[in-house]
Amino acid sequence: MIGAYSRLLQVEKSFRMSKTDLAARPIYHHTRESIKAHLTIVFAALAVSRWIENTTGWSIKRFVTTARRYRTIQIQAGDHTITAADPIPAELQTALDSIHGTH
Protein backbone atom coordinates (compact mmCIF):
# COMPACT_ATOMS: atom_id res chain seq x y z
CA MET A 1 0.00 0.00 0.00
CA ILE A 2 2.78 2.41 0.90
CA GLY A 3 4.57 1.65 -2.38
CA ALA A 4 1.43 2.39 -4.39
CA TYR A 5 0.94 5.68 -2.54
CA SER A 6 4.57 6.61 -3.17
CA ARG A 7 4.13 5.96 -6.91
CA LEU A 8 0.96 8.08 -6.88
CA LEU A 9 2.94 10.94 -5.32
CA GLN A 10 5.56 10.58 -8.08
CA VAL A 11 2.86 10.80 -10.77
CA GLU A 12 1.36 13.89 -9.14
CA LYS A 13 4.83 15.45 -8.87
CA SER A 14 5.37 14.76 -12.57
CA PHE A 15 2.18 16.57 -13.55
CA ARG A 16 3.05 19.54 -11.34
CA MET A 17 6.52 19.59 -12.84
CA SER A 18 5.27 19.50 -16.41
CA LYS A 19 2.86 22.36 -15.87
CA THR A 20 5.11 24.64 -13.85
CA ASP A 21 8.81 23.90 -14.31
CA LEU A 22 8.57 23.14 -18.02
CA ALA A 23 6.00 25.91 -18.66
CA ALA A 24 3.63 23.46 -20.35
CA ARG A 25 0.34 24.81 -21.63
CA PRO A 26 -2.83 23.05 -22.78
CA ILE A 27 -2.72 21.97 -26.39
CA TYR A 28 -5.79 20.77 -28.22
CA HIS A 29 -5.36 18.06 -30.84
CA HIS A 30 -8.00 16.71 -33.15
CA THR A 31 -6.40 13.70 -34.81
CA ARG A 32 -5.24 10.45 -33.27
CA GLU A 33 -1.74 10.89 -34.76
CA SER A 34 -1.23 14.35 -33.27
CA ILE A 35 -2.48 13.17 -29.86
CA LYS A 36 -0.06 10.23 -29.92
CA ALA A 37 2.79 12.48 -31.03
CA HIS A 38 2.04 14.97 -28.28
CA LEU A 39 1.94 12.25 -25.60
CA THR A 40 5.22 10.83 -26.90
CA ILE A 41 6.89 14.22 -26.58
CA VAL A 42 5.44 14.79 -23.09
CA PHE A 43 6.60 11.40 -21.83
CA ALA A 44 10.03 11.86 -23.43
CA ALA A 45 10.36 15.24 -21.70
CA LEU A 46 9.33 13.64 -18.42
CA ALA A 47 11.87 10.83 -18.86
CA VAL A 48 14.66 13.30 -19.66
CA SER A 49 13.65 15.48 -16.72
CA ARG A 50 13.76 12.51 -14.34
CA TRP A 51 17.11 11.44 -15.76
CA ILE A 52 18.52 14.94 -15.21
CA GLU A 53 17.22 14.94 -11.62
CA ASN A 54 18.73 11.51 -10.92
CA THR A 55 22.03 12.29 -12.63
CA THR A 56 22.65 15.75 -11.16
CA GLY A 57 20.83 15.52 -7.83
CA TRP A 58 19.09 18.79 -8.72
CA SER A 59 15.36 19.29 -9.10
CA ILE A 60 14.34 19.93 -12.69
CA LYS A 61 13.04 23.34 -11.61
CA ARG A 62 16.44 24.29 -10.23
CA PHE A 63 18.22 22.97 -13.32
CA VAL A 64 15.96 24.75 -15.82
CA THR A 65 15.95 28.02 -13.84
CA THR A 66 19.74 28.01 -13.47
CA ALA A 67 20.67 26.80 -16.97
CA ARG A 68 18.33 29.10 -18.89
CA ARG A 69 20.34 32.15 -17.78
CA TYR A 70 23.36 31.14 -19.84
CA ARG A 71 23.60 31.59 -23.59
CA THR A 72 26.29 31.31 -26.19
CA ILE A 73 26.24 33.52 -29.26
CA GLN A 74 28.32 32.92 -32.37
CA ILE A 75 28.86 35.73 -34.87
CA GLN A 76 30.38 35.15 -38.27
CA ALA A 77 32.73 38.02 -39.21
CA GLY A 78 34.25 37.30 -42.60
CA ASP A 79 36.28 34.12 -42.23
CA HIS A 80 36.24 34.30 -38.43
CA THR A 81 33.66 33.07 -35.96
CA ILE A 82 33.42 35.08 -32.76
CA THR A 83 31.88 33.31 -29.77
CA ALA A 84 30.50 35.21 -26.78
CA ALA A 85 29.35 33.33 -23.69
CA ASP A 86 28.66 34.09 -20.06
CA PRO A 87 30.95 32.13 -17.75
CA ILE A 88 29.12 29.16 -16.26
CA PRO A 89 29.27 28.93 -12.45
CA ALA A 90 31.17 25.95 -11.04
CA GLU A 91 28.03 24.41 -9.52
CA LEU A 92 26.22 24.39 -12.88
CA GLN A 93 29.34 23.14 -14.66
CA THR A 94 29.48 20.21 -12.23
CA ALA A 95 25.83 19.38 -13.01
CA LEU A 96 26.52 19.59 -16.76
CA ASP A 97 29.61 17.39 -16.36
CA SER A 98 27.42 14.82 -14.59
CA ILE A 99 25.02 14.86 -17.50
CA HIS A 100 27.84 14.44 -20.00
CA GLY A 101 29.37 11.67 -17.91
CA THR A 102 32.62 13.53 -17.33
CA HIS A 103 32.24 14.00 -13.60
Foldseek 3Di string as FASTA:
>chain_A
DVVVVVVVVVVVVLVVCCVPQVVDDDDDDDDPVVVVVVVVVSVVVSVVQVVLCVQQVDHSSVLSVQVVVKDWDWDDDPPDIDIDIDDRDPSNVSSVCSVVVND
